[in-house]
C-alpha atoms as a PDB file:
ATOM      1  CA  UNK A   1       0.000   0.000   0.000  1.00  0.00           C
ATOM      2  CA  UNK A   2       1.763   3.091  -1.214  1.00  0.00           C
ATOM      3  CA  UNK A   3       1.140   6.375   0.531  1.00  0.00           C
ATOM      4  CA  UNK A   4       1.931   9.902  -0.450  1.00  0.00           C
ATOM      5  CA  UNK A   5       1.690  13.186   1.371  1.00  0.00           C
ATOM      6  CA  UNK A   6      -0.617  15.989   0.517  1.00  0.00           C
ATOM      7  CA  UNK A   7      -1.073  19.373   2.135  1.00  0.00           C
ATOM      8  CA  UNK A   8      -4.621  19.719   0.841  1.00  0.00           C
ATOM      9  CA  UNK A   9      -7.672  18.655   2.807  1.00  0.00           C
ATOM     10  CA  UNK A  10      -8.803  15.150   2.001  1.00  0.00           C
ATOM     11  CA  UNK A  11     -11.823  15.217  -0.277  1.00  0.00           C
ATOM     12  CA  UNK A  12     -13.914  12.881   1.874  1.00  0.00           C
ATOM     13  CA  UNK A  13     -13.152  14.531   5.225  1.00  0.00           C
ATOM     14  CA  UNK A  14     -16.676  15.930   5.503  1.00  0.00           C
ATOM     15  CA  UNK A  15     -17.566  18.911   7.627  1.00  0.00           C
ATOM     16  CA  UNK A  16     -16.321  22.446   7.454  1.00  0.00           C
ATOM     17  CA  UNK A  17     -13.190  22.081   9.570  1.00  0.00           C
ATOM     18  CA  UNK A  18     -10.238  24.380   9.172  1.00  0.00           C
ATOM     19  CA  UNK A  19      -7.337  22.955   7.231  1.00  0.00           C
ATOM     20  CA  UNK A  20      -4.037  24.413   8.304  1.00  0.00           C
ATOM     21  CA  UNK A  21      -1.229  24.596   5.825  1.00  0.00           C
ATOM     22  CA  UNK A  22       1.119  22.941   8.312  1.00  0.00           C
ATOM     23  CA  UNK A  23      -0.913  19.712   8.401  1.00  0.00           C
ATOM     24  CA  UNK A  24      -0.041  16.984   5.972  1.00  0.00           C
ATOM     25  CA  UNK A  25      -2.293  14.079   5.098  1.00  0.00           C
ATOM     26  CA  UNK A  26      -1.092  10.634   4.127  1.00  0.00           C
ATOM     27  CA  UNK A  27      -3.400   9.170   1.530  1.00  0.00           C
ATOM     28  CA  UNK A  28      -3.658   5.808  -0.176  1.00  0.00           C
ATOM     29  CA  UNK A  29      -3.570   5.120  -3.898  1.00  0.00           C
ATOM     30  CA  UNK A  30      -7.175   6.272  -4.270  1.00  0.00           C
ATOM     31  CA  UNK A  31      -6.610   9.541  -2.461  1.00  0.00           C
ATOM     32  CA  UNK A  32      -8.351   8.439   0.747  1.00  0.00           C
ATOM     33  CA  UNK A  33      -6.782   9.832   3.923  1.00  0.00           C
ATOM     34  CA  UNK A  34      -5.021   7.256   6.082  1.00  0.00           C
ATOM     35  CA  UNK A  35      -3.116   9.453   8.556  1.00  0.00           C
ATOM     36  CA  UNK A  36      -2.262  13.045   9.394  1.00  0.00           C
ATOM     37  CA  UNK A  37       1.079  14.646  10.215  1.00  0.00           C
ATOM     38  CA  UNK A  38       0.889  17.530  12.715  1.00  0.00           C
ATOM     39  CA  UNK A  39       3.524  19.948  13.922  1.00  0.00           C
ATOM     40  CA  UNK A  40       4.877  18.830  17.293  1.00  0.00           C
ATOM     41  CA  UNK A  41       3.513  21.892  19.093  1.00  0.00           C
ATOM     42  CA  UNK A  42      -0.008  21.254  17.830  1.00  0.00           C
ATOM     43  CA  UNK A  43       0.240  17.581  18.849  1.00  0.00           C
ATOM     44  CA  UNK A  44       1.414  18.548  22.353  1.00  0.00           C
ATOM     45  CA  UNK A  45      -1.552  20.937  22.719  1.00  0.00           C
ATOM     46  CA  UNK A  46      -3.939  18.142  21.763  1.00  0.00           C
ATOM     47  CA  UNK A  47      -2.355  15.770  24.281  1.00  0.00           C
ATOM     48  CA  UNK A  48      -2.527  18.408  27.038  1.00  0.00           C
ATOM     49  CA  UNK A  49      -6.206  19.099  26.276  1.00  0.00           C
ATOM     50  CA  UNK A  50      -7.002  15.371  26.415  1.00  0.00           C
ATOM     51  CA  UNK A  51      -5.169  15.006  29.741  1.00  0.00           C
ATOM     52  CA  UNK A  52      -7.049  17.977  31.194  1.00  0.00           C
ATOM     53  CA  UNK A  53     -10.343  16.496  30.031  1.00  0.00           C
ATOM     54  CA  UNK A  54      -9.433  13.203  31.758  1.00  0.00           C
ATOM     55  CA  UNK A  55      -8.493  15.057  34.945  1.00  0.00           C
ATOM     56  CA  UNK A  56     -11.859  16.835  34.959  1.00  0.00           C
ATOM     57  CA  UNK A  57     -13.699  13.557  34.368  1.00  0.00           C
ATOM     58  CA  UNK A  58     -11.842  11.890  37.252  1.00  0.00           C
ATOM     59  CA  UNK A  59     -12.573  14.851  39.515  1.00  0.00           C
ATOM     60  CA  UNK A  60     -16.279  14.682  38.682  1.00  0.00           C
ATOM     61  CA  UNK A  61     -16.295  10.933  39.408  1.00  0.00           C
ATOM     62  CA  UNK A  62     -14.523  11.516  42.729  1.00  0.00           C
ATOM     63  CA  UNK A  63     -17.121  14.123  43.719  1.00  0.00           C
ATOM     64  CA  UNK A  64     -19.847  11.486  43.362  1.00  0.00           C
ATOM     65  CA  UNK A  65     -18.240   9.282  46.016  1.00  0.00           C
ATOM     66  CA  UNK A  66     -19.888   9.825  49.361  1.00  0.00           C
ATOM     67  CA  UNK A  67     -17.995   9.885  52.594  1.00  0.00           C
ATOM     68  CA  UNK A  68     -15.496  11.925  54.479  1.00  0.00           C
ATOM     69  CA  UNK A  69     -12.272  12.787  52.629  1.00  0.00           C
ATOM     70  CA  UNK A  70      -9.141  11.200  54.073  1.00  0.00           C
ATOM     71  CA  UNK A  71      -5.504  12.162  53.877  1.00  0.00           C
ATOM     72  CA  UNK A  72      -2.951  10.350  51.757  1.00  0.00           C
ATOM     73  CA  UNK A  73      -1.331   9.020  54.933  1.00  0.00           C
ATOM     74  CA  UNK A  74      -4.666   7.547  56.100  1.00  0.00           C
ATOM     75  CA  UNK A  75      -5.249   5.949  52.700  1.00  0.00           C
ATOM     76  CA  UNK A  76      -1.775   4.394  52.754  1.00  0.00           C
ATOM     77  CA  UNK A  77      -2.346   3.062  56.274  1.00  0.00           C
ATOM     78  CA  UNK A  78      -5.654   1.461  55.249  1.00  0.00           C
ATOM     79  CA  UNK A  79      -4.072  -0.114  52.179  1.00  0.00           C
ATOM     80  CA  UNK A  80      -1.216  -1.524  54.272  1.00  0.00           C
ATOM     81  CA  UNK A  81      -3.697  -3.130  56.687  1.00  0.00           C
ATOM     82  CA  UNK A  82      -5.452  -4.763  53.714  1.00  0.00           C
ATOM     83  CA  UNK A  83      -2.140  -5.961  52.297  1.00  0.00           C
ATOM     84  CA  UNK A  84      -2.508  -3.832  49.177  1.00  0.00           C
ATOM     85  CA  UNK A  85       0.513  -1.632  49.933  1.00  0.00           C
ATOM     86  CA  UNK A  86       3.877  -2.424  51.452  1.00  0.00           C
END
């Protein structure tokens, strides 16, 4: 499967998204997009946004748990008693 790079938007991408000139698309022999090449800075921003979204989701899940908050030291002590932490 041969691929080539193209800086144009893939024709079957659908939607009205912005195509930046710095993005490159890898396409197959029929011109269908198979991958995208992003500048490192843009990739790092996407990773950071995904990590923040995960942090928010975990925080929201933690807020649903009922009970009194405990300190890290108390948690470690409880886990040691249960044999889950050395």
